[in-house]
Amino acid sequence: MKGRRVLASVICSAICAFMLLPVSWGSTASPQDASGNKAIAKSLGVIKSINGNAITVTPGSGPEVAVTVQANARILRLAPGDKDAKNATPLQLQELQVGDTVRVRGYASDDGKSLNALEVILITRSAVQAAGEQVRQDWQKRGIGGIVDSVDAATGSVNISLPGLTSKKTIVVHTTKNTVVHRYAPDSAKPEDAKLISWQQIQPGDQLRARGNRSADGSEITAEEIYTGVFPRWVGTIKSLDASAGTLSVQDLSTKKTVQVKVTGNSQLHKIPTEMAQHFAMRLKAMMPAGASGAAGGSSAANGNAARPTQGGGPPSGAMGPGSGMGGGMRGGGAPDFQQMVSRLPTSTLPDLNLQKGDAVVILATEGTPSNPPTVITLLSGVDPILQASPSGSQAMMLAPWSLGGGPPGGENGNP
C-alpha cells in the first residue's frame, strides 16, 4: 500500500518531466478553437483496456477517456528524463500494454469523454518510478510544511508556523502566477483526490506543504507547488466502539466533546508497545523545560483545528518511514522522532487492537462532511505513558496526512 500511495502522490509531477508541453491529468483544451475548428486536446492517464485500436485511459481524476488511435498516429516511447521527442523510440500499437501510462493528443469529443488520437506517448512504469524518485527527493530537499497563520492577499504570500516542543518558527511562503496549488478533499487524504485551487483559497488553520526555492536564511520560500487541507487530530479516550461497523466514539481530552469517526480499509492502526511508549516518554520528558511536565492537555482539533506537521520536506503523501528524522530516532532539535518510531510498528485491524472503553488514543482524520463523519487516517493506541509524561506529549506526535502510509521521509529543518 505504501508504494502505491507514493506513486499516486508524485505521478503527475513525475510524468511532466517527460512531456514536451505542459500537461495535466484529464483532458485539456476546448473541443474547438476561436475559429470554430477542432482544437487539439490532450489526456494523460493509465491504460485500463486495449481492444484493437481502441484504448480506455483512466486519468488521475475525472471520467475515463475512450481513445481511438488513428492509423497515421505517432506512437512513441520517451526514455526516463528525456524531453525531446526527436530521441523517442517509435512503437507499434500492439506494444502498448494495460497499466502503461500514456499521454494521448488528438481531437476530443464535445463532452471530453472520447478522443481521436494523432499521437500517443508512452511512459513506462519503470520510467514513472524513476521520475517519481526524483520528485520525492526534490520534495525532501526543497519542501517545507506547517500550519497556515495568515494569508496576505496584497502580496500573494502565506505565513506558516512550524511548531516545536518549546518554540515555533515562522516561514513566509510566496506564490507566483506559476504556483500550482492543490486542496485535499474533505473526505480523503489521497493526493489524487485533491483539487486544483487558487492560492486565495488557502485558509488560516490549514496544514500546508510547499515545494520551491528557499531564501538563504530559510525564512522564506517561493513555492512551485503547494498542497493544503484540514486534518484534525484528537487526543482522547474511547467512549464506545463498534469493531464490526468500523465506528468509534472518542471524547477529546481538551474540549470534553465527543467526536464520531469511522475506520476504513485505508486507515492505519497501530498499537505502541508499553515498553516503547515508556522509553519515548522518558526521553520526551527529559527534553522539556523544568516545570513543564504533567498530563497532556490539548488536541490539535481544539487548538488550531489541524494536526501540526513536522518541519520536514516530504511530499504530501509521504511516509513515517526510516529517515523521517535524524539518525537514531532523534530530530534535528534533539527531540525523539516519534514518526520514525511509529513507522516500524506493524499495522493492525480494529478487532485485533481490542480497544476498550476508556483507552487513550491519538487519532488523525480527514475533515469530514456534514453527511459523512471524519475518516481515520491513523489511530494510535498504547499512548498513555506519552500523554502522562508531558503537556506537550501529544504535540510530539505531530502526524500530518502526508506523513502517513507510504511516501518518502521528510528531514528535519528541511534536511532530508
Protein backbone atom coordinates (compact mmCIF):
# COMPACT_ATOMS: atom_id res chain seq x y z
CA MET A 1 0.00 0.00 0.00
CA LYS A 2 2.90 2.34 0.76
CA GLY A 3 4.37 2.05 -2.72
CA ARG A 4 1.02 2.71 -4.36
CA ARG A 5 0.46 5.88 -2.34
CA VAL A 6 3.93 7.15 -3.15
CA LEU A 7 3.34 6.64 -6.86
CA ALA A 8 -0.07 8.30 -6.71
CA SER A 9 1.27 11.37 -4.94
CA VAL A 10 4.11 12.06 -7.35
CA ILE A 11 2.98 10.60 -10.66
CA CYS A 12 1.59 13.84 -12.05
CA SER A 13 4.78 15.80 -11.38
CA ALA A 14 6.94 12.91 -12.47
CA ILE A 15 5.22 12.47 -15.79
CA CYS A 16 5.51 16.15 -16.61
CA ALA A 17 9.28 15.69 -16.66
CA PHE A 18 8.84 13.58 -19.81
CA MET A 19 6.49 15.87 -21.64
CA LEU A 20 7.36 18.49 -24.21
CA LEU A 21 4.24 20.51 -23.45
CA PRO A 22 2.53 21.31 -20.13
CA VAL A 23 0.01 18.62 -19.29
CA SER A 24 -2.36 17.72 -16.50
CA TRP A 25 -4.45 14.75 -15.51
CA GLY A 26 -7.52 14.52 -17.68
CA SER A 27 -8.35 16.16 -20.98
CA THR A 28 -7.17 19.67 -21.69
CA ALA A 29 -8.04 22.31 -24.27
CA SER A 30 -11.50 23.02 -25.58
CA PRO A 31 -13.01 20.96 -28.40
CA GLN A 32 -12.99 23.96 -30.71
CA ASP A 33 -10.69 26.92 -31.16
CA ALA A 34 -11.80 30.52 -31.70
CA SER A 35 -12.39 29.94 -35.41
CA GLY A 36 -14.73 27.03 -34.80
CA ASN A 37 -12.25 24.40 -35.98
CA LYS A 38 -11.50 21.35 -33.91
CA ALA A 39 -8.73 22.10 -31.44
CA ILE A 40 -6.13 19.68 -30.20
CA ALA A 41 -6.79 18.18 -26.76
CA LYS A 42 -4.58 16.06 -24.52
CA SER A 43 -5.29 13.39 -21.96
CA LEU A 44 -2.84 11.85 -19.52
CA GLY A 45 -3.57 8.64 -17.68
CA VAL A 46 -3.17 4.90 -17.32
CA ILE A 47 -4.33 2.38 -19.94
CA LYS A 48 -7.25 0.43 -18.50
CA SER A 49 -8.04 -1.70 -21.54
CA ILE A 50 -6.98 -2.24 -25.16
CA ASN A 51 -9.17 -3.60 -27.93
CA GLY A 52 -7.61 -3.22 -31.35
CA ASN A 53 -7.10 0.50 -31.91
CA ALA A 54 -9.50 1.39 -29.08
CA ILE A 55 -7.90 2.27 -25.75
CA THR A 56 -9.56 3.24 -22.49
CA VAL A 57 -7.46 5.69 -20.49
CA THR A 58 -8.10 6.36 -16.80
CA PRO A 59 -6.89 9.85 -15.77
CA GLY A 60 -5.86 10.66 -12.21
CA SER A 61 -9.18 12.48 -11.83
CA GLY A 62 -12.28 12.80 -13.93
CA PRO A 63 -14.05 10.30 -16.18
CA GLU A 64 -12.38 7.66 -18.30
CA VAL A 65 -11.45 8.66 -21.85
CA ALA A 66 -12.21 6.40 -24.82
CA VAL A 67 -9.28 6.80 -27.21
CA THR A 68 -9.33 5.76 -30.86
CA VAL A 69 -5.80 5.59 -32.24
CA GLN A 70 -5.81 6.82 -35.83
CA ALA A 71 -4.00 4.77 -38.49
CA ASN A 72 -1.48 7.56 -39.06
CA ALA A 73 -0.95 8.30 -35.34
CA ARG A 74 2.58 8.55 -33.98
CA ILE A 75 3.28 6.15 -31.12
CA LEU A 76 6.47 6.97 -29.22
CA ARG A 77 8.31 6.00 -26.07
CA LEU A 78 10.43 8.54 -24.25
CA ALA A 79 13.37 7.41 -22.16
CA PRO A 80 13.39 8.42 -18.48
CA GLY A 81 14.29 12.09 -18.16
CA ASP A 82 14.24 12.74 -21.93
CA LYS A 83 12.18 15.72 -23.03
CA ASP A 84 13.00 15.71 -26.73
CA ALA A 85 10.64 13.76 -28.98
CA LYS A 86 13.44 13.56 -31.55
CA ASN A 87 15.08 10.99 -29.31
CA ALA A 88 11.90 8.98 -28.77
CA THR A 89 11.64 5.38 -29.90
CA PRO A 90 8.83 4.59 -32.38
CA LEU A 91 6.44 1.86 -31.23
CA GLN A 92 3.69 -0.24 -32.71
CA LEU A 93 0.19 -0.09 -31.29
CA GLN A 94 0.36 -3.73 -30.19
CA GLU A 95 3.35 -2.92 -27.97
CA LEU A 96 1.18 -0.87 -25.63
CA GLN A 97 0.09 -2.72 -22.50
CA VAL A 98 -2.60 -2.35 -19.86
CA GLY A 99 -1.11 -0.44 -16.93
CA ASP A 100 1.13 1.74 -19.06
CA THR A 101 0.93 5.49 -18.56
CA VAL A 102 0.35 7.45 -21.75
CA ARG A 103 -0.26 10.94 -22.94
CA VAL A 104 -2.57 10.99 -25.93
CA ARG A 105 -3.07 14.01 -28.17
CA GLY A 106 -5.78 14.50 -30.74
CA TYR A 107 -9.33 15.67 -31.34
CA ALA A 108 -11.70 15.38 -28.40
CA SER A 109 -15.45 14.96 -28.47
CA ASP A 110 -17.63 17.78 -27.21
CA ASP A 111 -18.16 16.04 -23.86
CA GLY A 112 -14.45 15.30 -23.48
CA LYS A 113 -15.09 11.58 -22.93
CA SER A 114 -13.57 10.37 -26.20
CA LEU A 115 -10.56 11.36 -28.26
CA ASN A 116 -9.24 10.55 -31.73
CA ALA A 117 -5.52 10.28 -31.09
CA LEU A 118 -2.94 11.64 -33.50
CA GLU A 119 -0.11 10.93 -31.07
CA VAL A 120 0.45 8.56 -28.18
CA ILE A 121 3.49 8.98 -25.95
CA LEU A 122 4.22 6.01 -23.73
CA ILE A 123 5.73 6.43 -20.30
CA THR A 124 6.59 3.01 -18.92
CA ARG A 125 6.02 2.14 -15.29
CA SER A 126 9.77 1.92 -14.70
CA ALA A 127 10.19 5.40 -16.16
CA VAL A 128 7.41 6.78 -13.95
CA GLN A 129 9.03 5.20 -10.90
CA ALA A 130 12.42 6.64 -11.82
CA ALA A 131 10.96 10.10 -12.28
CA GLY A 132 8.90 9.65 -9.13
CA GLU A 133 12.05 9.07 -7.15
CA GLN A 134 13.44 12.35 -8.47
CA VAL A 135 10.26 14.14 -7.39
CA ARG A 136 10.40 12.58 -3.93
CA GLN A 137 13.98 13.65 -3.48
CA ASP A 138 13.07 17.16 -4.59
CA TRP A 139 10.26 17.32 -2.00
CA GLN A 140 12.76 16.27 0.64
CA LYS A 141 15.34 18.78 -0.48
CA ARG A 142 13.12 21.77 -1.19
CA GLY A 143 9.93 21.05 0.73
CA ILE A 144 8.62 22.65 3.90
CA GLY A 145 5.42 22.16 5.90
CA GLY A 146 3.48 23.88 8.66
CA ILE A 147 0.21 25.44 9.77
CA VAL A 148 -1.17 28.49 7.98
CA ASP A 149 -1.23 31.51 10.28
CA SER A 150 -2.36 34.12 7.75
CA VAL A 151 -2.74 34.86 4.05
CA ASP A 152 -1.62 38.20 2.63
CA ALA A 153 -3.89 38.97 -0.30
CA ALA A 154 -1.85 42.02 -1.29
CA THR A 155 1.43 40.18 -1.75
CA GLY A 156 0.20 36.67 -2.52
CA SER A 157 2.16 35.25 0.40
CA VAL A 158 1.18 32.79 3.11
CA ASN A 159 2.64 32.80 6.61
CA ILE A 160 3.01 29.35 8.13
CA SER A 161 4.29 28.28 11.54
CA LEU A 162 6.49 25.30 12.21
CA PRO A 163 5.88 24.46 15.87
CA GLY A 164 8.33 22.59 18.03
CA LEU A 165 8.20 21.28 21.56
CA THR A 166 9.25 24.59 23.09
CA SER A 167 9.06 27.17 20.30
CA LYS A 168 7.88 27.72 16.76
CA LYS A 169 9.36 29.18 13.61
CA THR A 170 7.54 31.29 11.04
CA ILE A 171 8.07 30.84 7.31
CA VAL A 172 6.76 33.08 4.53
CA VAL A 173 5.54 31.11 1.50
CA HIS A 174 5.48 33.26 -1.64
CA THR A 175 3.23 32.31 -4.55
CA THR A 176 3.59 33.31 -8.19
CA LYS A 177 1.37 33.00 -11.23
CA ASN A 178 3.03 29.64 -11.90
CA THR A 179 2.46 28.16 -8.43
CA VAL A 180 0.25 25.07 -8.59
CA VAL A 181 -1.99 24.77 -5.52
CA HIS A 182 -3.92 21.63 -4.54
CA ARG A 183 -6.52 21.25 -1.80
CA TYR A 184 -7.27 17.90 -0.24
CA ALA A 185 -10.85 16.66 -0.44
CA PRO A 186 -12.68 16.83 2.93
CA ASP A 187 -13.21 13.07 2.91
CA SER A 188 -9.85 11.89 1.55
CA ALA A 189 -6.15 12.15 2.36
CA LYS A 190 -5.15 10.90 -1.09
CA PRO A 191 -3.29 13.43 -3.25
CA GLU A 192 -5.02 12.11 -6.35
CA ASP A 193 -8.34 13.26 -4.87
CA ALA A 194 -7.03 16.79 -4.25
CA LYS A 195 -8.46 19.59 -6.38
CA LEU A 196 -6.68 22.48 -8.03
CA ILE A 197 -7.46 25.77 -6.32
CA SER A 198 -6.13 29.33 -6.34
CA TRP A 199 -3.79 30.48 -3.61
CA GLN A 200 -6.52 32.87 -2.44
CA GLN A 201 -8.48 29.82 -1.24
CA ILE A 202 -5.81 28.85 1.29
CA GLN A 203 -7.20 29.45 4.77
CA PRO A 204 -5.71 30.11 8.23
CA GLY A 205 -5.54 26.86 10.15
CA ASP A 206 -4.85 24.79 7.04
CA GLN A 207 -1.99 22.36 7.00
CA LEU A 208 0.25 23.39 4.14
CA ARG A 209 3.24 21.85 2.46
CA ALA A 210 5.14 23.70 -0.22
CA ARG A 211 7.99 22.86 -2.56
CA GLY A 212 10.27 25.51 -4.03
CA ASN A 213 13.40 27.59 -3.57
CA ARG A 214 14.17 28.96 -0.12
CA SER A 215 15.95 32.11 0.90
CA ALA A 216 19.48 31.90 2.28
CA ASP A 217 18.28 32.15 5.89
CA GLY A 218 15.42 29.69 5.34
CA SER A 219 12.73 32.16 6.44
CA GLU A 220 11.08 32.39 3.01
CA ILE A 221 10.24 30.03 0.17
CA THR A 222 8.99 30.73 -3.34
CA ALA A 223 6.57 27.88 -3.96
CA GLU A 224 6.31 25.96 -7.18
CA GLU A 225 3.74 23.54 -5.76
CA ILE A 226 1.51 23.62 -2.68
CA TYR A 227 -0.75 21.05 -1.01
CA THR A 228 -3.13 22.26 1.66
CA GLY A 229 -6.05 20.92 3.66
CA VAL A 230 -7.57 20.36 7.09
CA PHE A 231 -6.82 17.17 9.01
CA PRO A 232 -7.98 17.24 12.64
CA ARG A 233 -6.24 15.28 15.37
CA TRP A 234 -7.89 14.25 18.58
CA VAL A 235 -6.23 13.06 21.77
CA GLY A 236 -8.93 11.39 23.76
CA THR A 237 -10.48 8.33 25.36
CA ILE A 238 -12.83 5.84 23.79
CA LYS A 239 -16.46 6.13 24.87
CA SER A 240 -17.82 3.43 22.57
CA LEU A 241 -16.86 1.45 19.51
CA ASP A 242 -18.32 -0.99 17.03
CA ALA A 243 -15.47 -3.02 15.54
CA SER A 244 -17.71 -4.77 13.04
CA ALA A 245 -19.07 -1.48 11.70
CA GLY A 246 -15.71 0.30 11.98
CA THR A 247 -17.03 3.21 14.03
CA LEU A 248 -15.60 4.91 17.11
CA SER A 249 -16.84 7.45 19.60
CA VAL A 250 -13.99 9.38 21.26
CA GLN A 251 -14.10 12.07 23.93
CA ASP A 252 -11.48 14.74 23.36
CA LEU A 253 -9.38 15.33 26.47
CA SER A 254 -9.17 19.07 25.93
CA THR A 255 -12.69 20.08 24.96
CA LYS A 256 -14.54 17.13 26.55
CA LYS A 257 -16.56 16.96 23.37
CA THR A 258 -17.35 13.63 21.73
CA VAL A 259 -16.46 13.01 18.11
CA GLN A 260 -17.62 10.18 15.87
CA VAL A 261 -15.11 8.72 13.39
CA LYS A 262 -15.08 5.78 11.04
CA VAL A 263 -12.33 3.29 10.19
CA THR A 264 -11.87 2.04 6.61
CA GLY A 265 -9.53 -0.35 4.88
CA ASN A 266 -7.17 2.56 4.19
CA SER A 267 -6.94 3.56 7.87
CA GLN A 268 -3.63 2.79 9.54
CA LEU A 269 -3.99 1.42 13.05
CA HIS A 270 -1.02 0.90 15.37
CA LYS A 271 -0.56 -0.14 18.97
CA ILE A 272 2.58 1.16 20.67
CA PRO A 273 4.11 -1.48 22.96
CA THR A 274 4.19 -0.37 26.60
CA GLU A 275 7.97 -0.53 26.89
CA MET A 276 8.44 1.51 23.73
CA ALA A 277 5.92 4.14 24.87
CA GLN A 278 7.59 4.40 28.28
CA HIS A 279 11.02 4.78 26.69
CA PHE A 280 9.78 7.52 24.39
CA ALA A 281 8.02 9.25 27.29
CA MET A 282 11.22 9.29 29.35
CA ARG A 283 13.21 10.82 26.51
CA LEU A 284 10.48 13.33 25.82
CA LYS A 285 10.20 14.37 29.45
CA ALA A 286 13.95 14.90 29.63
CA MET A 287 13.71 17.34 26.72
CA MET A 288 11.08 19.53 28.37
CA PRO A 289 11.89 22.67 30.41
CA ALA A 290 11.68 22.39 34.18
CA GLY A 291 8.12 22.52 35.46
CA ALA A 292 6.60 21.67 32.11
CA SER A 293 5.80 18.04 32.84
CA GLY A 294 2.29 16.89 33.59
CA ALA A 295 -0.71 15.35 31.97
CA ALA A 296 -1.29 16.08 28.33
CA GLY A 297 -3.95 18.67 27.84
CA GLY A 298 -4.55 19.76 24.31
CA SER A 299 -5.64 18.40 21.00
CA SER A 300 -4.88 19.97 17.67
CA ALA A 301 -8.52 19.67 16.79
CA ALA A 302 -9.27 22.10 19.58
CA ASN A 303 -6.18 24.27 19.27
CA GLY A 304 -5.61 25.07 15.64
CA ASN A 305 -8.14 22.75 14.02
CA ALA A 306 -5.46 20.58 12.48
CA ALA A 307 -2.61 18.25 13.20
CA ARG A 308 0.69 20.03 13.15
CA PRO A 309 3.20 18.54 10.72
CA THR A 310 6.88 18.40 11.40
CA GLN A 311 9.24 20.76 9.68
CA GLY A 312 10.24 18.24 7.08
CA GLY A 313 10.30 18.29 3.34
CA GLY A 314 8.36 15.23 2.30
CA PRO A 315 5.74 15.32 -0.41
CA PRO A 316 2.09 15.44 0.51
CA SER A 317 1.69 11.71 0.79
CA GLY A 318 4.99 10.92 2.45
CA ALA A 319 5.70 8.24 4.97
CA MET A 320 6.51 7.96 8.59
CA GLY A 321 9.38 5.91 7.27
CA PRO A 322 13.03 5.45 8.09
CA GLY A 323 14.86 8.69 7.72
CA SER A 324 11.88 10.85 8.52
CA GLY A 325 14.02 12.39 11.21
CA MET A 326 17.67 12.41 12.16
CA GLY A 327 19.60 9.22 12.76
CA GLY A 328 18.97 7.24 15.89
CA GLY A 329 15.38 8.34 16.14
CA MET A 330 16.28 11.91 17.07
CA ARG A 331 15.13 15.04 15.34
CA GLY A 332 17.40 17.87 14.39
CA GLY A 333 16.30 19.77 17.50
CA GLY A 334 17.15 16.84 19.77
CA ALA A 335 13.60 15.57 20.35
CA PRO A 336 12.92 11.89 19.74
CA ASP A 337 11.40 11.24 16.33
CA PHE A 338 8.00 9.79 17.07
CA GLN A 339 7.14 9.32 13.42
CA GLN A 340 10.22 7.22 12.83
CA MET A 341 9.32 5.08 15.82
CA VAL A 342 5.76 4.50 14.64
CA SER A 343 6.93 3.67 11.11
CA ARG A 344 8.48 0.49 12.47
CA LEU A 345 5.27 -0.70 14.08
CA PRO A 346 3.10 -3.28 12.33
CA THR A 347 -0.32 -2.21 11.17
CA SER A 348 -3.33 -3.78 12.79
CA THR A 349 -7.10 -4.03 12.48
CA LEU A 350 -9.74 -2.62 14.77
CA PRO A 351 -10.74 -6.04 16.18
CA ASP A 352 -7.06 -7.00 16.72
CA LEU A 353 -6.39 -3.83 18.73
CA ASN A 354 -9.00 -4.98 21.24
CA LEU A 355 -9.73 -1.42 22.28
CA GLN A 356 -11.84 -0.94 25.38
CA LYS A 357 -13.91 1.90 26.76
CA GLY A 358 -11.61 4.40 28.46
CA ASP A 359 -8.50 3.54 26.43
CA ALA A 360 -6.47 6.57 25.34
CA VAL A 361 -5.92 7.06 21.62
CA VAL A 362 -4.50 9.62 19.24
CA ILE A 363 -6.44 9.94 16.00
CA LEU A 364 -5.59 11.76 12.82
CA ALA A 365 -8.58 12.02 10.47
CA THR A 366 -9.98 13.66 7.39
CA GLU A 367 -12.05 16.80 7.79
CA GLY A 368 -15.32 15.04 7.04
CA THR A 369 -18.52 16.47 5.64
CA PRO A 370 -21.96 17.21 7.10
CA SER A 371 -23.20 13.89 5.75
CA ASN A 372 -20.07 11.82 6.39
CA PRO A 373 -18.09 11.64 9.65
CA PRO A 374 -14.30 12.07 9.61
CA THR A 375 -12.40 9.02 8.37
CA VAL A 376 -9.46 7.80 10.43
CA ILE A 377 -6.14 8.17 8.64
CA THR A 378 -4.07 6.93 11.57
CA LEU A 379 -5.06 5.70 15.02
CA LEU A 380 -2.50 5.09 17.74
CA SER A 381 -3.25 3.22 20.94
CA GLY A 382 -0.95 2.48 23.86
CA VAL A 383 -0.12 6.19 24.17
CA ASP A 384 -0.94 6.62 27.87
CA PRO A 385 2.70 6.86 29.09
CA ILE A 386 3.47 9.53 26.49
CA LEU A 387 0.46 11.64 27.36
CA GLN A 388 1.28 11.43 31.06
CA ALA A 389 4.91 12.43 30.54
CA SER A 390 4.40 15.96 29.31
CA PRO A 391 1.72 18.52 28.45
CA SER A 392 3.34 18.55 25.03
CA GLY A 393 3.33 14.78 24.77
CA SER A 394 0.60 14.85 22.17
CA GLN A 395 2.37 17.64 20.30
CA ALA A 396 5.38 15.37 19.92
CA MET A 397 3.11 13.07 17.96
CA MET A 398 2.72 15.59 15.15
CA LEU A 399 1.11 13.50 12.45
CA ALA A 400 0.36 15.09 9.10
CA PRO A 401 -1.56 13.28 6.37
CA TRP A 402 1.43 13.41 4.05
CA SER A 403 3.45 11.76 6.82
CA LEU A 404 1.30 8.67 6.83
CA GLY A 405 1.48 5.46 4.94
CA GLY A 406 3.83 5.29 2.10
CA GLY A 407 5.96 8.11 0.96
CA PRO A 408 9.47 9.31 1.24
CA PRO A 409 10.68 10.55 4.58
CA GLY A 410 10.96 14.24 5.26
CA GLY A 411 14.03 15.56 7.01
CA GLU A 412 14.07 17.97 9.91
CA ASN A 413 14.79 21.61 9.18
CA GLY A 414 14.39 20.83 5.54
CA ASN A 415 17.35 18.50 5.57
CA PRO A 416 16.35 15.10 4.15
